[in-house]
């Protein structure tokens, strides 16, 4: 089940935090619960992706994006992701999550998130390609920036490794091969 109560708690808590700039880092703290575990008593890889929502949504609130989404009747979607898992997170481990916007292109925004164990080791990292949507499909990022009151030229150039991922995704066939 989706962690709605945890999400509502984190969004509620973020209301009392100061607003943040587009390229600031949102830091949140979480506990790996028994229902987050797989049969090896470690954080399930799919659940990791779900828990990363608990960083992105409060970050969007602190940036003022959730207010814009409500006003414009827009939605959020993940259009691609590249996770990297390096250290196990066990039941009842405490983790620090860091979430930041790293830039955008004409269609997508790119977000980097990481989970850090209490000993300072990074357990996982993910880069997401996200989009804002309306009833007609994707909303161009320049329209989103205008609604946020942001100058599009303020975005830093995407890191080279993110640009290479974008290129690799563009070369990947779609739809994928299907056995009939």
Protein backbone atom coordinates (compact mmCIF):
# COMPACT_ATOMS: atom_id res chain seq x y z
CA UNK A 1 0.00 0.00 0.00
CA UNK A 2 1.14 3.52 -0.75
CA UNK A 3 2.42 5.34 2.38
CA UNK A 4 -0.30 8.02 2.40
CA UNK A 5 -0.08 8.69 6.14
CA UNK A 6 3.69 9.17 5.97
CA UNK A 7 3.29 11.46 2.97
CA UNK A 8 0.60 13.56 4.68
CA UNK A 9 2.79 13.76 7.80
CA UNK A 10 5.81 14.91 5.78
CA UNK A 11 3.81 17.45 3.76
CA UNK A 12 2.28 18.77 7.00
CA UNK A 13 5.74 19.08 8.60
CA UNK A 14 7.15 20.85 5.54
CA UNK A 15 4.49 23.57 5.88
CA UNK A 16 6.42 24.94 8.87
CA UNK A 17 9.78 24.89 7.06
CA UNK A 18 10.98 28.01 5.27
CA UNK A 19 10.37 28.29 1.53
CA UNK A 20 13.28 27.06 -0.55
CA UNK A 21 14.85 28.17 -3.79
CA UNK A 22 14.61 26.03 -6.90
CA UNK A 23 18.11 24.63 -6.56
CA UNK A 24 18.25 24.25 -2.78
CA UNK A 25 18.29 20.78 -1.22
CA UNK A 26 15.32 19.51 0.78
CA UNK A 27 16.48 17.26 3.64
CA UNK A 28 14.07 14.86 5.35
CA UNK A 29 14.44 11.98 7.81
CA UNK A 30 12.73 8.61 7.66
CA UNK A 31 12.58 5.27 9.42
CA UNK A 32 12.62 1.97 7.54
CA UNK A 33 9.44 0.27 8.79
CA UNK A 34 8.68 -3.48 8.75
CA UNK A 35 6.23 -3.05 5.85
CA UNK A 36 9.06 -1.49 3.79
CA UNK A 37 11.10 -4.72 3.96
CA UNK A 38 11.55 -7.62 1.60
CA UNK A 39 12.11 -11.22 2.67
CA UNK A 40 15.80 -10.50 3.39
CA UNK A 41 14.90 -7.89 6.02
CA UNK A 42 16.11 -4.99 3.93
CA UNK A 43 14.40 -2.07 2.26
CA UNK A 44 12.67 -3.39 -0.85
CA UNK A 45 13.99 -1.83 -4.05
CA UNK A 46 10.48 -0.96 -5.26
CA UNK A 47 9.59 0.53 -1.90
CA UNK A 48 12.73 2.67 -2.12
CA UNK A 49 11.27 4.31 -5.23
CA UNK A 50 8.00 4.92 -3.39
CA UNK A 51 9.77 6.40 -0.37
CA UNK A 52 11.55 8.86 -2.62
CA UNK A 53 8.10 10.44 -3.13
CA UNK A 54 8.33 11.45 0.54
CA UNK A 55 11.16 13.79 -0.44
CA UNK A 56 9.87 15.10 -3.77
CA UNK A 57 6.36 16.15 -2.72
CA UNK A 58 7.44 18.19 0.35
CA UNK A 59 10.21 19.77 -1.77
CA UNK A 60 7.58 20.77 -4.34
CA UNK A 61 5.51 22.30 -1.56
CA UNK A 62 8.44 24.32 -0.20
CA UNK A 63 9.21 25.61 -3.72
CA UNK A 64 5.62 26.74 -4.22
CA UNK A 65 4.99 24.17 -6.95
CA UNK A 66 2.07 22.42 -5.20
CA UNK A 67 0.19 25.72 -5.02
CA UNK A 68 0.77 26.26 -8.76
CA UNK A 69 -0.38 22.70 -9.50
CA UNK A 70 -3.64 23.29 -7.60
CA UNK A 71 -4.24 26.67 -9.21
CA UNK A 72 -3.56 25.45 -12.77
CA UNK A 73 -5.15 22.00 -12.23
CA UNK A 74 -1.89 20.33 -13.24
CA UNK A 75 -0.41 17.04 -12.12
CA UNK A 76 3.04 15.51 -11.63
CA UNK A 77 4.41 12.39 -13.26
CA UNK A 78 7.68 10.49 -13.39
CA UNK A 79 8.74 9.94 -17.00
CA UNK A 80 11.96 8.03 -16.31
CA UNK A 81 14.36 7.13 -13.56
CA UNK A 82 17.80 5.69 -13.00
CA UNK A 83 18.28 4.28 -9.50
CA UNK A 84 21.57 3.16 -8.01
CA UNK A 85 21.62 0.91 -4.94
CA UNK A 86 24.87 0.60 -2.96
CA UNK A 87 24.23 -0.11 0.74
CA UNK A 88 21.54 -2.11 2.49
CA UNK A 89 18.94 -0.41 4.63
CA UNK A 90 17.60 -2.79 7.28
CA UNK A 91 14.45 -2.70 9.36
CA UNK A 92 14.28 0.31 11.72
CA UNK A 93 17.36 1.94 10.18
CA UNK A 94 17.11 5.71 10.13
CA UNK A 95 17.83 7.42 6.84
CA UNK A 96 18.34 10.97 5.72
CA UNK A 97 16.93 11.78 2.31
CA UNK A 98 18.26 14.63 0.21
CA UNK A 99 16.21 15.91 -2.73
CA UNK A 100 17.15 18.60 -5.21
CA UNK A 101 16.20 19.89 -8.62
CA UNK A 102 19.22 19.74 -10.93
CA UNK A 103 17.71 21.39 -13.99
CA UNK A 104 15.35 21.11 -16.91
CA UNK A 105 15.07 21.01 -20.66
CA UNK A 106 12.14 22.03 -22.87
CA UNK A 107 9.96 19.06 -21.73
CA UNK A 108 11.22 17.65 -18.45
CA UNK A 109 12.64 18.57 -15.07
CA UNK A 110 15.44 16.48 -13.57
CA UNK A 111 15.60 15.67 -9.87
CA UNK A 112 18.37 13.97 -7.91
CA UNK A 113 17.62 12.17 -4.66
CA UNK A 114 19.78 10.17 -2.28
CA UNK A 115 19.35 8.21 0.94
CA UNK A 116 22.05 8.35 3.60
CA UNK A 117 22.51 5.94 6.48
CA UNK A 118 23.26 7.18 10.00
CA UNK A 119 26.94 6.18 9.54
CA UNK A 120 27.24 8.65 6.65
CA UNK A 121 27.17 6.07 3.85
CA UNK A 122 24.98 6.68 0.81
CA UNK A 123 22.65 3.71 0.45
CA UNK A 124 21.00 4.74 -2.82
CA UNK A 125 20.65 7.52 -5.34
CA UNK A 126 18.12 8.16 -8.07
CA UNK A 127 17.84 10.62 -10.90
CA UNK A 128 14.32 11.22 -12.17
CA UNK A 129 12.97 12.79 -15.30
CA UNK A 130 9.65 14.33 -14.29
CA UNK A 131 6.93 16.23 -16.08
CA UNK A 132 4.02 18.48 -15.24
CA UNK A 133 0.79 17.40 -16.92
CA UNK A 134 -2.63 18.78 -17.69
CA UNK A 135 -5.63 17.18 -19.37
CA UNK A 136 -3.96 17.61 -22.78
CA UNK A 137 -0.66 15.96 -21.86
CA UNK A 138 2.67 17.43 -20.81
CA UNK A 139 3.01 21.10 -19.93
CA UNK A 140 6.17 22.67 -21.41
CA UNK A 141 8.73 23.67 -18.80
CA UNK A 142 8.74 27.30 -19.93
CA UNK A 143 5.01 27.50 -19.09
CA UNK A 144 5.68 25.92 -15.69
CA UNK A 145 8.53 28.37 -15.04
CA UNK A 146 6.28 31.29 -15.96
CA UNK A 147 3.58 30.05 -13.55
CA UNK A 148 6.23 29.80 -10.81
CA UNK A 149 7.58 33.26 -11.66
CA UNK A 150 10.99 31.81 -12.57
CA UNK A 151 13.36 32.95 -15.30
CA UNK A 152 14.09 29.93 -17.54
CA UNK A 153 17.69 31.07 -18.02
CA UNK A 154 18.31 30.59 -14.28
CA UNK A 155 18.71 26.82 -14.69
CA UNK A 156 22.28 25.59 -14.62
CA UNK A 157 23.47 23.36 -17.42
CA UNK A 158 22.62 19.74 -16.72
CA UNK A 159 25.61 17.68 -15.57
CA UNK A 160 27.34 15.73 -18.34
CA UNK A 161 26.29 12.36 -16.90
CA UNK A 162 22.62 13.43 -16.93
CA UNK A 163 22.96 14.67 -20.52
CA UNK A 164 24.43 11.28 -21.50
CA UNK A 165 21.49 9.51 -19.84
CA UNK A 166 19.07 11.73 -21.82
CA UNK A 167 20.94 10.81 -25.03
CA UNK A 168 20.85 7.10 -24.15
CA UNK A 169 17.09 7.28 -23.49
CA UNK A 170 16.56 9.01 -26.84
CA UNK A 171 18.40 6.14 -28.59
CA UNK A 172 16.41 3.46 -26.77
CA UNK A 173 13.68 1.94 -28.97
CA UNK A 174 10.05 2.57 -28.10
CA UNK A 175 7.89 0.62 -27.94
CA UNK A 176 10.16 -2.20 -26.79
CA UNK A 177 10.33 -5.55 -28.52
CA UNK A 178 7.27 -7.68 -27.86
CA UNK A 179 6.94 -11.40 -28.48
CA UNK A 180 3.65 -12.08 -30.22
